[in-house]
C-alpha cells in the first residue's frame, strides 16, 4: 500500500474515532499524556497489519502506545489497550 493511502485511511479512522470520543470523553481521558495512538481497524486487514507493525516499532523504541481496536462503518465499536515498553 502506498504511503499516501496509508495516511488517508489512518486520517479517516482518526476522524471516526474522534466523532465517537467527543460523545464519550472518557475515551480521551484514558489516553495518557504523551502516548502515541494507533488505531487497528477490524474491517481493514491490510491497514491493521501495517498499523500493528508501527505500534510494535514504537514500543521497541520505548514509547508508550495506546492501541485502539475499532470496527467500522456503521457505528464504530472501540476497545482500547495501553502498551508500554
Protein backbone atom coordinates (compact mmCIF):
# COMPACT_ATOMS: atom_id res chain seq x y z
CA UNK A 1 0.00 0.00 0.00
CA UNK A 2 1.32 3.44 -0.91
CA UNK A 3 2.26 5.85 1.88
CA UNK A 4 -0.39 8.37 0.79
CA UNK A 5 -3.10 5.71 1.00
CA UNK A 6 -1.94 4.65 4.48
CA UNK A 7 -2.09 8.26 5.66
CA UNK A 8 -5.54 8.79 4.08
CA UNK A 9 -7.03 5.67 5.68
CA UNK A 10 -5.50 6.47 9.08
CA UNK A 11 -6.89 10.01 8.95
CA UNK A 12 -10.34 8.60 8.19
CA UNK A 13 -10.02 6.23 11.16
CA UNK A 14 -8.91 9.05 13.45
CA UNK A 15 -11.86 11.15 12.29
CA UNK A 16 -14.28 8.30 13.08
CA UNK A 17 -12.65 7.77 16.48
CA UNK A 18 -12.83 11.48 17.35
CA UNK A 19 -16.53 11.62 16.45
CA UNK A 20 -17.20 8.85 18.96
CA UNK A 21 -14.74 10.23 21.53
CA UNK A 22 -16.38 13.66 21.57
CA UNK A 23 -19.62 11.93 22.56
CA UNK A 24 -17.83 9.82 25.19
CA UNK A 25 -15.00 11.94 26.59
CA UNK A 26 -13.96 9.12 28.93
CA UNK A 27 -12.26 7.52 25.91
CA UNK A 28 -9.93 10.51 25.58
CA UNK A 29 -9.32 10.59 29.33
CA UNK A 30 -7.93 7.04 29.12
CA UNK A 31 -5.11 8.11 26.80
CA UNK A 32 -2.04 9.05 28.87
CA UNK A 33 -0.41 12.41 28.13
CA UNK A 34 2.40 11.92 25.64
CA UNK A 35 1.22 8.47 24.49
CA UNK A 36 1.12 7.59 20.81
CA UNK A 37 -2.28 6.46 19.49
CA UNK A 38 -2.50 3.70 16.89
CA UNK A 39 -5.87 2.54 15.53
CA UNK A 40 -6.28 -1.08 14.42
CA UNK A 41 -9.28 -1.33 12.08
CA UNK A 42 -11.09 -4.65 12.38
CA UNK A 43 -12.54 -4.24 8.88
CA UNK A 44 -9.28 -3.46 7.02
CA UNK A 45 -6.79 -6.33 7.48
CA UNK A 46 -4.10 -4.72 5.31
CA UNK A 47 -4.07 -1.41 7.22
CA UNK A 48 -4.41 -3.26 10.53
CA UNK A 49 -1.21 -5.23 9.79
CA UNK A 50 0.65 -2.05 8.84
CA UNK A 51 -0.51 -0.27 11.99
CA UNK A 52 0.33 -3.26 14.21
CA UNK A 53 3.88 -3.15 12.86
CA UNK A 54 4.07 0.58 13.50
CA UNK A 55 2.85 0.13 17.11
CA UNK A 56 5.38 -2.66 17.71
CA UNK A 57 8.23 -0.46 16.45
CA UNK A 58 7.12 2.39 18.72
CA UNK A 59 7.06 0.09 21.76
CA UNK A 60 10.54 -1.22 20.85
CA UNK A 61 11.76 2.40 20.85
CA UNK A 62 10.39 2.74 24.39
CA UNK A 63 7.35 4.81 23.51
CA UNK A 64 4.04 4.46 25.30
CA UNK A 65 1.38 3.37 22.81
CA UNK A 66 -2.39 3.21 23.13
CA UNK A 67 -3.84 0.72 20.67
CA UNK A 68 -7.45 1.32 19.69
CA UNK A 69 -9.28 -1.54 18.05
CA UNK A 70 -12.14 -0.17 16.04
CA UNK A 71 -14.88 -1.56 13.87
CA UNK A 72 -16.38 0.47 11.06
CA UNK A 73 -18.50 1.63 9.17
CA UNK A 74 -21.93 1.96 10.78
CA UNK A 75 -21.35 2.56 14.47
CA UNK A 76 -17.72 2.19 15.47
CA UNK A 77 -17.04 -0.23 18.34
CA UNK A 78 -13.97 0.84 20.25
CA UNK A 79 -11.71 -1.17 22.56
CA UNK A 80 -8.53 0.38 23.97
CA UNK A 81 -5.32 -1.08 25.39
CA UNK A 82 -2.22 0.66 26.76
CA UNK A 83 1.12 -0.80 25.61
CA UNK A 84 4.39 0.16 27.27
CA UNK A 85 7.95 -0.95 26.89
